[in-house]
Amino acid sequence: MIIRKALLTFGVSLLTAAQIWVPAAVRAEMLDTQTALRDQFPAPSDRERLIVIV
């Protein structure tokens, strides 16, 4: 009975930790992807923006 309760508590704490850590890892991965894309496609200069607007 005590072992079952300890396992249940441990399982709940693992689930809580997963809810916190998994989204953080996903956000970090998305930021890495954004950075990689930004490096691959640099932002246009002001002159290029003016040409596009005109």
N, C-alpha and C. Protein backbone atom coordinates (compact mmCIF):
# COMPACT_ATOMS: atom_id res chain seq x y z
N MET A 1 0.83 -1.20 0.00
CA MET A 1 0.00 0.00 0.00
C MET A 1 0.87 1.26 0.00
N ILE A 2 1.88 1.26 0.86
CA ILE A 2 2.78 2.42 0.94
C ILE A 2 3.57 2.55 -0.36
N ILE A 3 4.00 1.39 -0.89
CA ILE A 3 4.78 1.40 -2.13
C ILE A 3 3.91 1.94 -3.27
N ARG A 4 2.66 1.51 -3.32
CA ARG A 4 1.76 1.96 -4.39
C ARG A 4 1.56 3.47 -4.30
N LYS A 5 1.37 3.98 -3.10
CA LYS A 5 1.19 5.41 -2.93
C LYS A 5 2.45 6.18 -3.33
N ALA A 6 3.61 5.64 -2.98
CA ALA A 6 4.88 6.30 -3.34
C ALA A 6 5.05 6.31 -4.86
N LEU A 7 4.72 5.20 -5.52
CA LEU A 7 4.82 5.14 -6.98
C LEU A 7 3.85 6.12 -7.63
N LEU A 8 2.65 6.21 -7.08
CA LEU A 8 1.64 7.13 -7.62
C LEU A 8 2.12 8.58 -7.48
N THR A 9 2.66 8.93 -6.32
CA THR A 9 3.18 10.27 -6.10
C THR A 9 4.33 10.56 -7.05
N PHE A 10 5.21 9.58 -7.23
CA PHE A 10 6.35 9.74 -8.13
C PHE A 10 5.87 9.91 -9.58
N GLY A 11 4.87 9.14 -9.97
CA GLY A 11 4.30 9.26 -11.32
C GLY A 11 3.69 10.61 -11.57
N VAL A 12 2.95 11.12 -10.58
CA VAL A 12 2.33 12.45 -10.73
C VAL A 12 3.40 13.53 -10.83
N SER A 13 4.46 13.41 -10.02
CA SER A 13 5.52 14.41 -10.09
C SER A 13 6.24 14.35 -11.44
N LEU A 14 6.39 13.14 -12.00
CA LEU A 14 7.00 13.00 -13.32
C LEU A 14 6.13 13.66 -14.39
N LEU A 15 4.82 13.46 -14.29
CA LEU A 15 3.90 14.07 -15.26
C LEU A 15 3.96 15.59 -15.17
N THR A 16 4.01 16.10 -13.95
CA THR A 16 4.09 17.55 -13.77
C THR A 16 5.38 18.09 -14.35
N ALA A 17 6.48 17.39 -14.12
CA ALA A 17 7.76 17.82 -14.67
C ALA A 17 7.72 17.78 -16.20
N ALA A 18 7.08 16.78 -16.77
CA ALA A 18 6.98 16.67 -18.23
C ALA A 18 6.17 17.83 -18.79
N GLN A 19 5.11 18.23 -18.09
CA GLN A 19 4.29 19.35 -18.56
C GLN A 19 5.08 20.65 -18.58
N ILE A 20 6.04 20.78 -17.68
CA ILE A 20 6.84 22.00 -17.63
C ILE A 20 7.98 21.94 -18.64
N TRP A 21 8.67 20.80 -18.72
CA TRP A 21 9.89 20.72 -19.52
C TRP A 21 9.64 20.54 -21.00
N VAL A 22 8.59 19.78 -21.36
CA VAL A 22 8.37 19.50 -22.78
C VAL A 22 8.05 20.78 -23.56
N PRO A 23 7.10 21.62 -23.11
CA PRO A 23 6.85 22.87 -23.86
C PRO A 23 8.08 23.76 -23.93
N ALA A 24 8.88 23.78 -22.87
CA ALA A 24 10.10 24.59 -22.89
C ALA A 24 11.05 24.07 -23.96
N ALA A 25 11.17 22.76 -24.08
CA ALA A 25 12.04 22.18 -25.11
C ALA A 25 11.51 22.49 -26.50
N VAL A 26 10.19 22.42 -26.66
CA VAL A 26 9.59 22.73 -27.97
C VAL A 26 9.82 24.19 -28.33
N ARG A 27 9.66 25.09 -27.35
CA ARG A 27 9.90 26.52 -27.62
C ARG A 27 11.36 26.75 -28.00
N ALA A 28 12.28 26.09 -27.31
CA ALA A 28 13.70 26.24 -27.63
C ALA A 28 13.97 25.76 -29.05
N GLU A 29 13.34 24.64 -29.44
CA GLU A 29 13.52 24.11 -30.79
C GLU A 29 12.98 25.09 -31.83
N MET A 30 11.84 25.70 -31.54
CA MET A 30 11.26 26.67 -32.48
C MET A 30 12.17 27.89 -32.61
N LEU A 31 12.74 28.33 -31.49
CA LEU A 31 13.65 29.48 -31.54
C LEU A 31 14.89 29.14 -32.36
N ASP A 32 15.40 27.91 -32.20
CA ASP A 32 16.56 27.48 -33.00
C ASP A 32 16.21 27.51 -34.49
N THR A 33 15.00 27.06 -34.83
CA THR A 33 14.58 27.04 -36.22
C THR A 33 14.46 28.46 -36.75
N GLN A 34 13.88 29.36 -35.95
CA GLN A 34 13.74 30.76 -36.37
C GLN A 34 15.11 31.37 -36.60
N THR A 35 16.04 31.10 -35.70
CA THR A 35 17.39 31.66 -35.84
C THR A 35 18.05 31.12 -37.10
N ALA A 36 17.89 29.82 -37.35
CA ALA A 36 18.49 29.22 -38.55
C ALA A 36 17.91 29.84 -39.81
N LEU A 37 16.59 30.05 -39.82
CA LEU A 37 15.96 30.67 -41.00
C LEU A 37 16.43 32.10 -41.17
N ARG A 38 16.55 32.82 -40.06
CA ARG A 38 16.99 34.20 -40.13
C ARG A 38 18.42 34.29 -40.67
N ASP A 39 19.26 33.34 -40.27
CA ASP A 39 20.64 33.31 -40.78
C ASP A 39 20.66 32.97 -42.27
N GLN A 40 19.76 32.09 -42.66
CA GLN A 40 19.72 31.65 -44.05
C GLN A 40 19.16 32.74 -44.97
N PHE A 41 18.13 33.44 -44.48
CA PHE A 41 17.51 34.51 -45.25
C PHE A 41 17.65 35.82 -44.48
N PRO A 42 18.72 36.56 -44.70
CA PRO A 42 18.92 37.79 -43.94
C PRO A 42 17.84 38.83 -44.26
N ALA A 43 17.58 39.70 -43.31
CA ALA A 43 16.56 40.73 -43.50
C ALA A 43 17.00 41.67 -44.61
N PRO A 44 16.05 42.14 -45.43
CA PRO A 44 16.42 43.06 -46.51
C PRO A 44 16.87 44.40 -45.96
N SER A 45 17.77 45.03 -46.67
CA SER A 45 18.24 46.35 -46.24
C SER A 45 17.15 47.38 -46.52
N ASP A 46 17.34 48.60 -46.02
CA ASP A 46 16.35 49.66 -46.24
C ASP A 46 16.20 49.96 -47.73
N ARG A 47 17.30 49.92 -48.45
CA ARG A 47 17.27 50.21 -49.89
C ARG A 47 16.43 49.15 -50.62
N GLU A 48 16.61 47.90 -50.25
CA GLU A 48 15.83 46.83 -50.88
C GLU A 48 14.35 46.98 -50.54
N ARG A 49 14.04 47.38 -49.32
CA ARG A 49 12.64 47.60 -48.93
C ARG A 49 12.02 48.71 -49.75
N LEU A 50 12.77 49.79 -49.99
CA LEU A 50 12.26 50.90 -50.78
C LEU A 50 11.95 50.45 -52.21
N ILE A 51 12.82 49.61 -52.75
CA ILE A 51 12.59 49.12 -54.11
C ILE A 51 11.32 48.29 -54.16
N VAL A 52 11.10 47.47 -53.15
CA VAL A 52 9.90 46.64 -53.10
C VAL A 52 8.66 47.51 -52.96
N ILE A 53 8.72 48.54 -52.13
CA ILE A 53 7.57 49.42 -51.93
C ILE A 53 7.24 50.17 -53.22
N VAL A 54 8.26 50.67 -53.91
CA VAL A 54 8.05 51.41 -55.16
C VAL A 54 7.65 50.41 -56.23
